[in-house]
Amino acid sequence: MKAIKELVAKTGDLSSEEFLAGLLEFRNTPHESGASPAQILFGHQLRSIVPAHRSSYAPEWKNAMIARERQAAAAAETKLRYDAHTRPLSPLRIGTQVRIQDPDSKLWTHVGVIVAVGRYRSYRIKFASGSVLWRNRRFLRPLVPAEEETTATVDRINPSADGSAPTVVDVIIPTAPTQQPPIVPAPDGPRRGTRVRKPRVITSV
């Protein structure tokens, strides 16, 4: 807009040939992006009183714009297909013990502790050897310790102190280990039946 105001101040008449020639040169002047308003709108430069090579009027800017649009559409489609089979990973805190995937074997063989959190889901991991490396969140898994006993969650009604409506809270009750039936040792010798035998009755003929 500043250039247009300066052009109007110099010419003084919006219908004069000097103003129209200056406006045409303004349309052919490149901006910070490297393209002029004529290239953005028409795809090529406009013919003016300033001599220019014939390659200046080639529609290369329009072809480059179409190629960028196709590239952006392909990248959006690729991201859509990738996100269809992914799930968001929860952030990790400092001090959390994690397993790290080995980049060569793809196995979760390394164990470390998070000492810092960076940008773009990156974490600084300190290993047992003392080395510290940056790793992305997708290569980290929280190290869950084995629980000694199983727990069960039940609901309990917790009355409030001010006499309002009671609330339902979760209470964790340790589950008692299941008792196995006692093992009865097998008796020595062959097993005999418990059926009572009837005496044989012999009749004379």
C-alpha atoms as a PDB file:
ATOM      1  CA  MET A   1       0.000   0.000   0.000  1.00  0.00           C
ATOM      2  CA  LYS A   2       2.898   2.359   0.686  1.00  0.00           C
ATOM      3  CA  ALA A   3       4.156   1.934  -2.880  1.00  0.00           C
ATOM      4  CA  ILE A   4       0.702   2.724  -4.284  1.00  0.00           C
ATOM      5  CA  LYS A   5       0.473   5.886  -2.164  1.00  0.00           C
ATOM      6  CA  GLU A   6       3.880   7.040  -3.361  1.00  0.00           C
ATOM      7  CA  LEU A   7       2.837   6.353  -6.969  1.00  0.00           C
ATOM      8  CA  VAL A   8      -0.348   8.413  -6.553  1.00  0.00           C
ATOM      9  CA  ALA A   9       1.624  11.236  -4.911  1.00  0.00           C
ATOM     10  CA  LYS A  10       4.087  11.370  -7.839  1.00  0.00           C
ATOM     11  CA  THR A  11       1.604  11.184 -10.710  1.00  0.00           C
ATOM     12  CA  GLY A  12      -1.335  13.030  -9.123  1.00  0.00           C
ATOM     13  CA  ASP A  13      -3.856  11.629 -11.626  1.00  0.00           C
ATOM     14  CA  LEU A  14      -5.201   8.068 -11.445  1.00  0.00           C
ATOM     15  CA  SER A  15      -6.166   8.096 -15.143  1.00  0.00           C
ATOM     16  CA  SER A  16      -2.820   9.263 -16.523  1.00  0.00           C
ATOM     17  CA  GLU A  17      -0.522   7.001 -18.536  1.00  0.00           C
ATOM     18  CA  GLU A  18       2.290   7.477 -15.993  1.00  0.00           C
ATOM     19  CA  PHE A  19       0.127   6.070 -13.183  1.00  0.00           C
ATOM     20  CA  LEU A  20      -1.020   3.078 -15.272  1.00  0.00           C
ATOM     21  CA  ALA A  21       2.569   2.306 -16.353  1.00  0.00           C
ATOM     22  CA  GLY A  22       3.748   2.535 -12.740  1.00  0.00           C
ATOM     23  CA  LEU A  23       0.887   0.271 -11.586  1.00  0.00           C
ATOM     24  CA  LEU A  24       1.869  -2.295 -14.240  1.00  0.00           C
ATOM     25  CA  GLU A  25       5.453  -2.293 -13.023  1.00  0.00           C
ATOM     26  CA  PHE A  26       4.229  -2.687  -9.450  1.00  0.00           C
ATOM     27  CA  ARG A  27       2.336  -5.833 -10.503  1.00  0.00           C
ATOM     28  CA  ASN A  28       5.542  -7.243 -11.999  1.00  0.00           C
ATOM     29  CA  THR A  29       7.691  -6.438  -8.936  1.00  0.00           C
ATOM     30  CA  PRO A  30       8.543  -9.578  -6.858  1.00  0.00           C
ATOM     31  CA  HIS A  31       7.646  -9.611  -3.166  1.00  0.00           C
ATOM     32  CA  GLU A  32       9.391 -11.283  -0.198  1.00  0.00           C
ATOM     33  CA  SER A  33       8.163 -14.689  -1.402  1.00  0.00           C
ATOM     34  CA  GLY A  34      10.058 -14.262  -4.699  1.00  0.00           C
ATOM     35  CA  ALA A  35       6.909 -13.992  -6.863  1.00  0.00           C
ATOM     36  CA  SER A  36       5.168 -10.903  -8.143  1.00  0.00           C
ATOM     37  CA  PRO A  37       1.388 -10.272  -7.887  1.00  0.00           C
ATOM     38  CA  ALA A  38       1.063 -11.054 -11.608  1.00  0.00           C
ATOM     39  CA  GLN A  39       2.780 -14.418 -11.148  1.00  0.00           C
ATOM     40  CA  ILE A  40       0.570 -15.293  -8.193  1.00  0.00           C
ATOM     41  CA  LEU A  41      -2.618 -14.348 -10.065  1.00  0.00           C
ATOM     42  CA  PHE A  42      -1.887 -15.253 -13.710  1.00  0.00           C
ATOM     43  CA  GLY A  43       1.055 -17.657 -13.353  1.00  0.00           C
ATOM     44  CA  HIS A  44       3.447 -15.483 -15.393  1.00  0.00           C
ATOM     45  CA  GLN A  45       4.712 -11.931 -15.712  1.00  0.00           C
ATOM     46  CA  LEU A  46       2.829  -9.229 -17.641  1.00  0.00           C
ATOM     47  CA  ARG A  47       4.349  -7.535 -20.670  1.00  0.00           C
ATOM     48  CA  SER A  48       5.331  -3.947 -19.858  1.00  0.00           C
ATOM     49  CA  ILE A  49       7.517  -1.153 -21.239  1.00  0.00           C
ATOM     50  CA  VAL A  50      10.578  -2.637 -19.540  1.00  0.00           C
ATOM     51  CA  PRO A  51      12.397  -5.071 -21.908  1.00  0.00           C
ATOM     52  CA  ALA A  52      12.365  -8.697 -20.677  1.00  0.00           C
ATOM     53  CA  HIS A  53      13.390 -12.099 -21.987  1.00  0.00           C
ATOM     54  CA  ARG A  54      10.702 -14.361 -23.396  1.00  0.00           C
ATOM     55  CA  SER A  55      11.351 -16.899 -20.599  1.00  0.00           C
ATOM     56  CA  SER A  56       9.971 -14.316 -18.124  1.00  0.00           C
ATOM     57  CA  TYR A  57       6.472 -14.947 -19.493  1.00  0.00           C
ATOM     58  CA  ALA A  58       6.674 -18.740 -19.147  1.00  0.00           C
ATOM     59  CA  PRO A  59       4.068 -20.263 -16.781  1.00  0.00           C
ATOM     60  CA  GLU A  60       6.679 -21.902 -14.545  1.00  0.00           C
ATOM     61  CA  TRP A  61       5.273 -20.355 -11.367  1.00  0.00           C
ATOM     62  CA  LYS A  62       1.860 -21.837 -12.112  1.00  0.00           C
ATOM     63  CA  ASN A  63       3.378 -25.291 -12.686  1.00  0.00           C
ATOM     64  CA  ALA A  64       5.353 -25.023  -9.440  1.00  0.00           C
ATOM     65  CA  MET A  65       2.181 -24.064  -7.578  1.00  0.00           C
ATOM     66  CA  ILE A  66       0.304 -27.077  -8.970  1.00  0.00           C
ATOM     67  CA  ALA A  67       3.213 -29.378  -7.994  1.00  0.00           C
ATOM     68  CA  ARG A  68       3.184 -27.996  -4.439  1.00  0.00           C
ATOM     69  CA  GLU A  69      -0.558 -28.522  -4.158  1.00  0.00           C
ATOM     70  CA  ARG A  70      -0.195 -32.142  -5.271  1.00  0.00           C
ATOM     71  CA  GLN A  71       2.638 -32.678  -2.820  1.00  0.00           C
ATOM     72  CA  ALA A  72       0.592 -31.212   0.035  1.00  0.00           C
ATOM     73  CA  ALA A  73      -2.396 -33.424  -0.860  1.00  0.00           C
ATOM     74  CA  ALA A  74      -0.181 -36.538  -0.951  1.00  0.00           C
ATOM     75  CA  ALA A  75       1.352 -35.650   2.433  1.00  0.00           C
ATOM     76  CA  ALA A  76      -2.106 -35.155   3.952  1.00  0.00           C
ATOM     77  CA  GLU A  77      -3.277 -38.537   2.616  1.00  0.00           C
ATOM     78  CA  THR A  78      -0.149 -40.252   3.939  1.00  0.00           C
ATOM     79  CA  LYS A  79      -0.684 -38.719   7.386  1.00  0.00           C
ATOM     80  CA  LEU A  80      -4.337 -39.803   7.363  1.00  0.00           C
ATOM     81  CA  ARG A  81      -3.385 -43.428   6.605  1.00  0.00           C
ATOM     82  CA  TYR A  82      -0.681 -43.391   9.262  1.00  0.00           C
ATOM     83  CA  ASP A  83      -2.940 -41.912  11.961  1.00  0.00           C
ATOM     84  CA  ALA A  84      -5.619 -44.538  11.280  1.00  0.00           C
ATOM     85  CA  HIS A  85      -3.509 -47.228  12.990  1.00  0.00           C
ATOM     86  CA  THR A  86      -1.908 -45.141  15.763  1.00  0.00           C
ATOM     87  CA  ARG A  87      -2.870 -44.202  19.303  1.00  0.00           C
ATOM     88  CA  PRO A  88      -1.743 -41.253  21.431  1.00  0.00           C
ATOM     89  CA  LEU A  89       0.938 -42.015  24.034  1.00  0.00           C
ATOM     90  CA  SER A  90       0.627 -40.531  27.514  1.00  0.00           C
ATOM     91  CA  PRO A  91       3.427 -38.143  28.567  1.00  0.00           C
ATOM     92  CA  LEU A  92       6.073 -39.349  31.037  1.00  0.00           C
ATOM     93  CA  ARG A  93       7.364 -37.569  34.135  1.00  0.00           C
ATOM     94  CA  ILE A  94      10.888 -36.960  35.360  1.00  0.00           C
ATOM     95  CA  GLY A  95      12.125 -39.846  37.500  1.00  0.00           C
ATOM     96  CA  THR A  96      10.077 -42.510  35.712  1.00  0.00           C
ATOM     97  CA  GLN A  97      11.900 -45.749  34.960  1.00  0.00           C
ATOM     98  CA  VAL A  98      11.430 -46.737  31.335  1.00  0.00           C
ATOM     99  CA  ARG A  99      12.466 -49.400  28.877  1.00  0.00           C
ATOM    100  CA  ILE A 100      14.170 -48.197  25.690  1.00  0.00           C
ATOM    101  CA  GLN A 101      13.930 -49.922  22.331  1.00  0.00           C
ATOM    102  CA  ASP A 102      17.246 -50.832  20.753  1.00  0.00           C
ATOM    103  CA  PRO A 103      17.472 -49.194  17.283  1.00  0.00           C
ATOM    104  CA  ASP A 104      19.260 -52.218  15.759  1.00  0.00           C
ATOM    105  CA  SER A 105      17.597 -55.283  17.263  1.00  0.00           C
ATOM    106  CA  LYS A 106      14.203 -53.566  17.877  1.00  0.00           C
ATOM    107  CA  LEU A 107      14.106 -55.219  21.314  1.00  0.00           C
ATOM    108  CA  TRP A 108      13.276 -53.488  24.600  1.00  0.00           C
ATOM    109  CA  THR A 109      16.542 -54.451  26.256  1.00  0.00           C
ATOM    110  CA  HIS A 110      17.720 -51.144  27.773  1.00  0.00           C
ATOM    111  CA  VAL A 111      16.485 -49.623  31.042  1.00  0.00           C
ATOM    112  CA  GLY A 112      16.946 -46.010  32.142  1.00  0.00           C
ATOM    113  CA  VAL A 113      15.486 -43.107  34.108  1.00  0.00           C
ATOM    114  CA  ILE A 114      13.998 -39.902  32.687  1.00  0.00           C
ATOM    115  CA  VAL A 115      16.016 -36.878  33.860  1.00  0.00           C
ATOM    116  CA  ALA A 116      14.640 -34.150  31.539  1.00  0.00           C
ATOM    117  CA  VAL A 117      11.725 -33.492  29.182  1.00  0.00           C
ATOM    118  CA  GLY A 118      12.323 -31.712  25.875  1.00  0.00           C
ATOM    119  CA  ARG A 119      10.186 -30.492  23.012  1.00  0.00           C
ATOM    120  CA  TYR A 120       8.334 -32.570  20.433  1.00  0.00           C
ATOM    121  CA  ARG A 121       7.894 -35.585  22.798  1.00  0.00           C
ATOM    122  CA  SER A 122      11.617 -36.049  23.368  1.00  0.00           C
ATOM    123  CA  TYR A 123      13.007 -37.243  26.712  1.00  0.00           C
ATOM    124  CA  ARG A 124      16.515 -37.270  28.155  1.00  0.00           C
ATOM    125  CA  ILE A 125      17.310 -40.759  29.491  1.00  0.00           C
ATOM    126  CA  LYS A 126      20.088 -41.654  31.918  1.00  0.00           C
ATOM    127  CA  PHE A 127      21.302 -45.252  31.737  1.00  0.00           C
ATOM    128  CA  ALA A 128      22.885 -47.361  34.460  1.00  0.00           C
ATOM    129  CA  SER A 129      26.299 -46.918  32.810  1.00  0.00           C
ATOM    130  CA  GLY A 130      26.052 -43.149  33.330  1.00  0.00           C
ATOM    131  CA  SER A 131      25.490 -42.182  29.681  1.00  0.00           C
ATOM    132  CA  VAL A 132      22.669 -39.742  28.895  1.00  0.00           C
ATOM    133  CA  LEU A 133      20.830 -39.754  25.554  1.00  0.00           C
ATOM    134  CA  TRP A 134      17.741 -38.203  24.002  1.00  0.00           C
ATOM    135  CA  ARG A 135      14.959 -40.542  22.898  1.00  0.00           C
ATOM    136  CA  ASN A 136      11.521 -39.992  21.369  1.00  0.00           C
ATOM    137  CA  ARG A 137       8.373 -41.030  23.242  1.00  0.00           C
ATOM    138  CA  ARG A 138       7.563 -43.825  20.794  1.00  0.00           C
ATOM    139  CA  PHE A 139      10.796 -45.622  21.757  1.00  0.00           C
ATOM    140  CA  LEU A 140       9.988 -45.525  25.511  1.00  0.00           C
ATOM    141  CA  ARG A 141       7.748 -47.711  27.618  1.00  0.00           C
ATOM    142  CA  PRO A 142       7.105 -47.225  31.357  1.00  0.00           C
ATOM    143  CA  LEU A 143       8.673 -49.928  33.493  1.00  0.00           C
ATOM    144  CA  VAL A 144       5.821 -51.388  35.581  1.00  0.00           C
ATOM    145  CA  PRO A 145       7.006 -53.322  38.690  1.00  0.00           C
ATOM    146  CA  ALA A 146       5.450 -56.694  39.416  1.00  0.00           C
ATOM    147  CA  GLU A 147       2.719 -56.460  42.063  1.00  0.00           C
ATOM    148  CA  GLU A 148       3.040 -58.768  45.059  1.00  0.00           C
ATOM    149  CA  GLU A 149      -0.670 -59.133  45.588  1.00  0.00           C
ATOM    150  CA  THR A 150      -3.744 -58.646  43.500  1.00  0.00           C
ATOM    151  CA  THR A 151      -6.231 -55.996  44.454  1.00  0.00           C
ATOM    152  CA  ALA A 152      -9.912 -55.643  43.832  1.00  0.00           C
ATOM    153  CA  THR A 153     -11.867 -52.404  43.589  1.00  0.00           C
ATOM    154  CA  VAL A 154     -15.320 -52.107  45.164  1.00  0.00           C
ATOM    155  CA  ASP A 155     -17.714 -49.200  45.565  1.00  0.00           C
ATOM    156  CA  ARG A 156     -18.555 -47.813  48.986  1.00  0.00           C
ATOM    157  CA  ILE A 157     -21.005 -45.058  49.875  1.00  0.00           C
ATOM    158  CA  ASN A 158     -19.173 -42.277  51.700  1.00  0.00           C
ATOM    159  CA  PRO A 159     -21.562 -39.959  53.620  1.00  0.00           C
ATOM    160  CA  SER A 160     -20.547 -36.292  53.563  1.00  0.00           C
ATOM    161  CA  ALA A 161     -19.934 -34.335  56.755  1.00  0.00           C
ATOM    162  CA  ASP A 162     -22.499 -31.597  56.051  1.00  0.00           C
ATOM    163  CA  GLY A 163     -25.351 -34.044  55.542  1.00  0.00           C
ATOM    164  CA  SER A 164     -25.577 -33.596  51.770  1.00  0.00           C
ATOM    165  CA  ALA A 165     -25.986 -36.370  49.243  1.00  0.00           C
ATOM    166  CA  PRO A 166     -23.548 -39.239  49.734  1.00  0.00           C
ATOM    167  CA  THR A 167     -20.822 -39.849  47.205  1.00  0.00           C
ATOM    168  CA  VAL A 168     -19.457 -43.085  45.829  1.00  0.00           C
ATOM    169  CA  VAL A 169     -15.742 -43.675  46.282  1.00  0.00           C
ATOM    170  CA  ASP A 170     -13.448 -46.483  45.285  1.00  0.00           C
ATOM    171  CA  VAL A 171     -11.923 -48.644  47.995  1.00  0.00           C
ATOM    172  CA  ILE A 172      -9.046 -50.970  47.184  1.00  0.00           C
ATOM    173  CA  ILE A 173      -9.244 -54.167  49.233  1.00  0.00           C
ATOM    174  CA  PRO A 174      -6.463 -56.732  49.067  1.00  0.00           C
ATOM    175  CA  THR A 175      -7.700 -60.026  47.809  1.00  0.00           C
ATOM    176  CA  ALA A 176      -6.857 -62.982  50.023  1.00  0.00           C
ATOM    177  CA  PRO A 177      -4.930 -65.726  48.312  1.00  0.00           C
ATOM    178  CA  THR A 178      -6.997 -68.713  47.287  1.00  0.00           C
ATOM    179  CA  GLN A 179      -6.543 -71.686  49.620  1.00  0.00           C
ATOM    180  CA  GLN A 180      -5.656 -74.981  48.020  1.00  0.00           C
ATOM    181  CA  PRO A 181      -7.371 -78.144  49.354  1.00  0.00           C
ATOM    182  CA  PRO A 182      -5.112 -80.324  51.534  1.00  0.00           C
ATOM    183  CA  ILE A 183      -3.350 -83.149  49.791  1.00  0.00           C
ATOM    184  CA  VAL A 184      -4.311 -86.596  51.219  1.00  0.00           C
ATOM    185  CA  PRO A 185      -1.574 -89.198  50.761  1.00  0.00           C
ATOM    186  CA  ALA A 186      -2.574 -92.363  48.944  1.00  0.00           C
ATOM    187  CA  PRO A 187      -2.755 -95.546  51.150  1.00  0.00           C
ATOM    188  CA  ASP A 188      -0.162 -98.227  50.759  1.00  0.00           C
ATOM    189  CA  GLY A 189      -1.111-101.446  48.979  1.00  0.00           C
ATOM    190  CA  PRO A 190      -3.892-102.197  46.521  1.00  0.00           C
ATOM    191  CA  ARG A 191      -7.167-100.426  46.843  1.00  0.00           C
ATOM    192  CA  ARG A 192     -10.066-102.692  47.929  1.00  0.00           C
ATOM    193  CA  GLY A 193     -13.689-102.107  47.253  1.00  0.00           C
ATOM    194  CA  THR A 194     -16.199-101.290  50.013  1.00  0.00           C
ATOM    195  CA  ARG A 195     -19.057-103.448  48.680  1.00  0.00           C
ATOM    196  CA  VAL A 196     -20.511-105.884  51.239  1.00  0.00           C
ATOM    197  CA  ARG A 197     -20.516-109.471  49.989  1.00  0.00           C
ATOM    198  CA  LYS A 198     -23.620-111.613  50.712  1.00  0.00           C
ATOM    199  CA  PRO A 199     -23.172-115.173  51.929  1.00  0.00           C
ATOM    200  CA  ARG A 200     -23.731-117.907  49.384  1.00  0.00           C
ATOM    201  CA  VAL A 201     -26.809-120.106  49.966  1.00  0.00           C
ATOM    202  CA  ILE A 202     -26.521-123.722  48.804  1.00  0.00           C
ATOM    203  CA  THR A 203     -29.804-125.575  48.143  1.00  0.00           C
ATOM    204  CA  SER A 204     -30.074-129.333  47.923  1.00  0.00           C
ATOM    205  CA  VAL A 205     -31.814-130.983  45.006  1.00  0.00           C
END
